[in-house]
Amino acid sequence: MSTATPADTDTPAPRSQPSRRRTLYRGDPGMWSWVLHRITGATIFFFLFVHVLDT
């Protein structure tokens, strides 16, 4: 028969390493090429938009 109290069962086990918050982009070349593709696409769109308004 166990005599454990509820306070004994509620304490979490200690972690061996502190958890680090990681970002979505972890340096994978495919992810960085996608980000660069999106940035260049937005830049080209803005460039063309400004030059169409200029004419």
PDB file of N, CA and C in Angstrom:
ATOM      1  N   MET A   1       0.833  -1.171   0.000  1.00  0.00           N
ATOM      2  CA  MET A   1       0.000   0.000   0.000  1.00  0.00           C
ATOM      3  C   MET A   1       0.886   1.245   0.000  1.00  0.00           C
ATOM      4  N   SER A   2       0.582   2.180  -0.875  1.00  0.00           N
ATOM      5  CA  SER A   2       1.388   3.386  -1.014  1.00  0.00           C
ATOM      6  C   SER A   2       0.876   4.486  -0.092  1.00  0.00           C
ATOM      7  N   THR A   3       1.807   5.237   0.475  1.00  0.00           N
ATOM      8  CA  THR A   3       1.431   6.345   1.356  1.00  0.00           C
ATOM      9  C   THR A   3       1.841   7.693   0.770  1.00  0.00           C
ATOM     10  N   ALA A   4       1.974   7.772  -0.536  1.00  0.00           N
ATOM     11  CA  ALA A   4       2.387   9.023  -1.179  1.00  0.00           C
ATOM     12  C   ALA A   4       1.271  10.046  -1.098  1.00  0.00           C
ATOM     13  N   THR A   5       1.641  11.262  -0.829  1.00  0.00           N
ATOM     14  CA  THR A   5       0.664  12.347  -0.765  1.00  0.00           C
ATOM     15  C   THR A   5       0.534  12.995  -2.135  1.00  0.00           C
ATOM     16  N   PRO A   6      -0.560  13.684  -2.404  1.00  0.00           N
ATOM     17  CA  PRO A   6      -0.701  14.347  -3.703  1.00  0.00           C
ATOM     18  C   PRO A   6       0.397  15.364  -3.984  1.00  0.00           C
ATOM     19  N   ALA A   7       0.966  15.986  -2.964  1.00  0.00           N
ATOM     20  CA  ALA A   7       2.048  16.950  -3.168  1.00  0.00           C
ATOM     21  C   ALA A   7       3.287  16.267  -3.733  1.00  0.00           C
ATOM     22  N   ASP A   8       3.508  14.999  -3.388  1.00  0.00           N
ATOM     23  CA  ASP A   8       4.666  14.276  -3.895  1.00  0.00           C
ATOM     24  C   ASP A   8       4.519  13.949  -5.379  1.00  0.00           C
ATOM     25  N   THR A   9       3.324  13.731  -5.845  1.00  0.00           N
ATOM     26  CA  THR A   9       3.111  13.348  -7.237  1.00  0.00           C
ATOM     27  C   THR A   9       2.997  14.556  -8.159  1.00  0.00           C
ATOM     28  N   ASP A  10       2.787  15.754  -7.622  1.00  0.00           N
ATOM     29  CA  ASP A  10       2.624  16.940  -8.462  1.00  0.00           C
ATOM     30  C   ASP A  10       3.944  17.584  -8.869  1.00  0.00           C
ATOM     31  N   THR A  11       5.034  17.249  -8.231  1.00  0.00           N
ATOM     32  CA  THR A  11       6.304  17.891  -8.560  1.00  0.00           C
ATOM     33  C   THR A  11       6.872  17.264  -9.826  1.00  0.00           C
ATOM     34  N   PRO A  12       7.241  18.089 -10.810  1.00  0.00           N
ATOM     35  CA  PRO A  12       7.806  17.534 -12.049  1.00  0.00           C
ATOM     36  C   PRO A  12       9.246  17.097 -11.843  1.00  0.00           C
ATOM     37  N   ALA A  13       9.668  16.175 -12.665  1.00  0.00           N
ATOM     38  CA  ALA A  13      11.045  15.707 -12.604  1.00  0.00           C
ATOM     39  C   ALA A  13      11.964  16.804 -13.138  1.00  0.00           C
ATOM     40  N   PRO A  14      13.152  16.967 -12.572  1.00  0.00           N
ATOM     41  CA  PRO A  14      14.063  18.007 -13.065  1.00  0.00           C
ATOM     42  C   PRO A  14      14.554  17.676 -14.465  1.00  0.00           C
ATOM     43  N   ARG A  15      14.705  18.706 -15.268  1.00  0.00           N
ATOM     44  CA  ARG A  15      15.176  18.512 -16.644  1.00  0.00           C
ATOM     45  C   ARG A  15      16.696  18.500 -16.674  1.00  0.00           C
ATOM     46  N   SER A  16      17.237  17.705 -17.578  1.00  0.00           N
ATOM     47  CA  SER A  16      18.689  17.628 -17.671  1.00  0.00           C
ATOM     48  C   SER A  16      19.256  18.856 -18.381  1.00  0.00           C
ATOM     49  N   GLN A  17      18.537  19.395 -19.368  1.00  0.00           N
ATOM     50  CA  GLN A  17      18.980  20.579 -20.096  1.00  0.00           C
ATOM     51  C   GLN A  17      17.848  21.588 -20.128  1.00  0.00           C
ATOM     52  N   PRO A  18      18.173  22.860 -20.003  1.00  0.00           N
ATOM     53  CA  PRO A  18      17.113  23.862 -20.132  1.00  0.00           C
ATOM     54  C   PRO A  18      16.617  23.914 -21.572  1.00  0.00           C
ATOM     55  N   SER A  19      15.318  24.050 -21.732  1.00  0.00           N
ATOM     56  CA  SER A  19      14.760  24.078 -23.083  1.00  0.00           C
ATOM     57  C   SER A  19      15.032  25.430 -23.719  1.00  0.00           C
ATOM     58  N   ARG A  20      15.531  25.418 -24.941  1.00  0.00           N
ATOM     59  CA  ARG A  20      15.805  26.645 -25.679  1.00  0.00           C
ATOM     60  C   ARG A  20      14.717  26.845 -26.706  1.00  0.00           C
ATOM     61  N   ARG A  21      14.289  28.072 -26.840  1.00  0.00           N
ATOM     62  CA  ARG A  21      13.290  28.380 -27.851  1.00  0.00           C
ATOM     63  C   ARG A  21      13.999  28.478 -29.199  1.00  0.00           C
ATOM     64  N   ARG A  22      13.539  27.706 -30.161  1.00  0.00           N
ATOM     65  CA  ARG A  22      14.174  27.683 -31.476  1.00  0.00           C
ATOM     66  C   ARG A  22      13.304  28.412 -32.478  1.00  0.00           C
ATOM     67  N   THR A  23      13.941  29.019 -33.455  1.00  0.00           N
ATOM     68  CA  THR A  23      13.203  29.724 -34.489  1.00  0.00           C
ATOM     69  C   THR A  23      12.764  28.750 -35.568  1.00  0.00           C
ATOM     70  N   LEU A  24      11.914  29.230 -36.442  1.00  0.00           N
ATOM     71  CA  LEU A  24      11.436  28.404 -37.535  1.00  0.00           C
ATOM     72  C   LEU A  24      12.559  28.128 -38.535  1.00  0.00           C
ATOM     73  N   TYR A  25      13.389  29.125 -38.806  1.00  0.00           N
ATOM     74  CA  TYR A  25      14.478  28.982 -39.769  1.00  0.00           C
ATOM     75  C   TYR A  25      15.723  28.514 -39.038  1.00  0.00           C
ATOM     76  N   ARG A  26      16.140  27.311 -39.312  1.00  0.00           N
ATOM     77  CA  ARG A  26      17.257  26.707 -38.587  1.00  0.00           C
ATOM     78  C   ARG A  26      18.523  26.631 -39.423  1.00  0.00           C
ATOM     79  N   GLY A  27      18.572  27.319 -40.548  1.00  0.00           N
ATOM     80  CA  GLY A  27      19.782  27.334 -41.339  1.00  0.00           C
ATOM     81  C   GLY A  27      19.816  26.306 -42.447  1.00  0.00           C
ATOM     82  N   ASP A  28      18.715  25.640 -42.704  1.00  0.00           N
ATOM     83  CA  ASP A  28      18.666  24.670 -43.786  1.00  0.00           C
ATOM     84  C   ASP A  28      18.773  25.420 -45.114  1.00  0.00           C
ATOM     85  N   PRO A  29      19.614  24.986 -46.052  1.00  0.00           N
ATOM     86  CA  PRO A  29      19.781  25.732 -47.305  1.00  0.00           C
ATOM     87  C   PRO A  29      18.482  25.913 -48.088  1.00  0.00           C
ATOM     88  N   GLY A  30      17.606  24.929 -48.048  1.00  0.00           N
ATOM     89  CA  GLY A  30      16.333  25.072 -48.747  1.00  0.00           C
ATOM     90  C   GLY A  30      15.469  26.169 -48.160  1.00  0.00           C
ATOM     91  N   MET A  31      15.489  26.298 -46.843  1.00  0.00           N
ATOM     92  CA  MET A  31      14.707  27.352 -46.196  1.00  0.00           C
ATOM     93  C   MET A  31      15.261  28.726 -46.530  1.00  0.00           C
ATOM     94  N   TRP A  32      16.585  28.857 -46.501  1.00  0.00           N
ATOM     95  CA  TRP A  32      17.189  30.157 -46.802  1.00  0.00           C
ATOM     96  C   TRP A  32      16.993  30.526 -48.263  1.00  0.00           C
ATOM     97  N   SER A  33      17.014  29.570 -49.171  1.00  0.00           N
ATOM     98  CA  SER A  33      16.762  29.888 -50.577  1.00  0.00           C
ATOM     99  C   SER A  33      15.317  30.318 -50.772  1.00  0.00           C
ATOM    100  N   TRP A  34      14.389  29.729 -50.028  1.00  0.00           N
ATOM    101  CA  TRP A  34      12.992  30.150 -50.100  1.00  0.00           C
ATOM    102  C   TRP A  34      12.828  31.580 -49.586  1.00  0.00           C
ATOM    103  N   VAL A  35      13.486  31.912 -48.475  1.00  0.00           N
ATOM    104  CA  VAL A  35      13.416  33.273 -47.930  1.00  0.00           C
ATOM    105  C   VAL A  35      14.001  34.265 -48.926  1.00  0.00           C
ATOM    106  N   LEU A  36      15.144  33.938 -49.508  1.00  0.00           N
ATOM    107  CA  LEU A  36      15.759  34.823 -50.501  1.00  0.00           C
ATOM    108  C   LEU A  36      14.864  34.976 -51.723  1.00  0.00           C
ATOM    109  N   HIS A  37      14.216  33.905 -52.141  1.00  0.00           N
ATOM    110  CA  HIS A  37      13.294  33.950 -53.269  1.00  0.00           C
ATOM    111  C   HIS A  37      12.132  34.891 -52.979  1.00  0.00           C
ATOM    112  N   ARG A  38      11.577  34.821 -51.774  1.00  0.00           N
ATOM    113  CA  ARG A  38      10.465  35.700 -51.399  1.00  0.00           C
ATOM    114  C   ARG A  38      10.901  37.160 -51.339  1.00  0.00           C
ATOM    115  N   ILE A  39      12.086  37.417 -50.786  1.00  0.00           N
ATOM    116  CA  ILE A  39      12.575  38.795 -50.682  1.00  0.00           C
ATOM    117  C   ILE A  39      12.826  39.378 -52.061  1.00  0.00           C
ATOM    118  N   THR A  40      13.469  38.620 -52.942  1.00  0.00           N
ATOM    119  CA  THR A  40      13.740  39.138 -54.281  1.00  0.00           C
ATOM    120  C   THR A  40      12.447  39.310 -55.070  1.00  0.00           C
ATOM    121  N   GLY A  41      11.484  38.433 -54.879  1.00  0.00           N
ATOM    122  CA  GLY A  41      10.200  38.588 -55.557  1.00  0.00           C
ATOM    123  C   GLY A  41       9.477  39.846 -55.123  1.00  0.00           C
ATOM    124  N   ALA A  42       9.470  40.121 -53.825  1.00  0.00           N
ATOM    125  CA  ALA A  42       8.832  41.344 -53.325  1.00  0.00           C
ATOM    126  C   ALA A  42       9.573  42.579 -53.809  1.00  0.00           C
ATOM    127  N   THR A  43      10.897  42.502 -53.879  1.00  0.00           N
ATOM    128  CA  THR A  43      11.695  43.634 -54.357  1.00  0.00           C
ATOM    129  C   THR A  43      11.420  43.916 -55.828  1.00  0.00           C
ATOM    130  N   ILE A  44      11.356  42.891 -56.649  1.00  0.00           N
ATOM    131  CA  ILE A  44      11.063  43.074 -58.073  1.00  0.00           C
ATOM    132  C   ILE A  44       9.655  43.626 -58.257  1.00  0.00           C
ATOM    133  N   PHE A  45       8.699  43.117 -57.482  1.00  0.00           N
ATOM    134  CA  PHE A  45       7.337  43.636 -57.562  1.00  0.00           C
ATOM    135  C   PHE A  45       7.302  45.118 -57.214  1.00  0.00           C
ATOM    136  N   PHE A  46       7.972  45.515 -56.146  1.00  0.00           N
ATOM    137  CA  PHE A  46       8.007  46.920 -55.750  1.00  0.00           C
ATOM    138  C   PHE A  46       8.690  47.766 -56.821  1.00  0.00           C
ATOM    139  N   PHE A  47       9.790  47.280 -57.387  1.00  0.00           N
ATOM    140  CA  PHE A  47      10.515  47.987 -58.443  1.00  0.00           C
ATOM    141  C   PHE A  47       9.611  48.221 -59.649  1.00  0.00           C
ATOM    142  N   LEU A  48       8.924  47.180 -60.098  1.00  0.00           N
ATOM    143  CA  LEU A  48       8.035  47.326 -61.249  1.00  0.00           C
ATOM    144  C   LEU A  48       6.854  48.230 -60.927  1.00  0.00           C
ATOM    145  N   PHE A  49       6.305  48.136 -59.736  1.00  0.00           N
ATOM    146  CA  PHE A  49       5.185  48.968 -59.328  1.00  0.00           C
ATOM    147  C   PHE A  49       5.572  50.441 -59.344  1.00  0.00           C
ATOM    148  N   VAL A  50       6.742  50.764 -58.828  1.00  0.00           N
ATOM    149  CA  VAL A  50       7.203  52.158 -58.812  1.00  0.00           C
ATOM    150  C   VAL A  50       7.433  52.660 -60.227  1.00  0.00           C
ATOM    151  N   HIS A  51       7.994  51.851 -61.105  1.00  0.00           N
ATOM    152  CA  HIS A  51       8.278  52.297 -62.462  1.00  0.00           C
ATOM    153  C   HIS A  51       7.017  52.385 -63.313  1.00  0.00           C
ATOM    154  N   VAL A  52       6.008  51.595 -63.034  1.00  0.00           N
ATOM    155  CA  VAL A  52       4.738  51.730 -63.748  1.00  0.00           C
ATOM    156  C   VAL A  52       4.039  53.007 -63.301  1.00  0.00           C
ATOM    157  N   LEU A  53       4.078  53.325 -62.029  1.00  0.00           N
ATOM    158  CA  LEU A  53       3.482  54.572 -61.548  1.00  0.00           C
ATOM    159  C   LEU A  53       4.228  55.791 -62.074  1.00  0.00           C
ATOM    160  N   ASP A  54       5.503  55.642 -62.341  1.00  0.00           N
ATOM    161  CA  ASP A  54       6.334  56.751 -62.818  1.00  0.00           C
ATOM    162  C   ASP A  54       5.973  57.141 -64.245  1.00  0.00           C
ATOM    163  N   THR A  55       5.476  56.220 -65.057  1.00  0.00           N
ATOM    164  CA  THR A  55       5.183  56.531 -66.463  1.00  0.00           C
ATOM    165  C   THR A  55       3.825  57.154 -66.641  1.00  0.00           C
TER     166      THR A  55
END
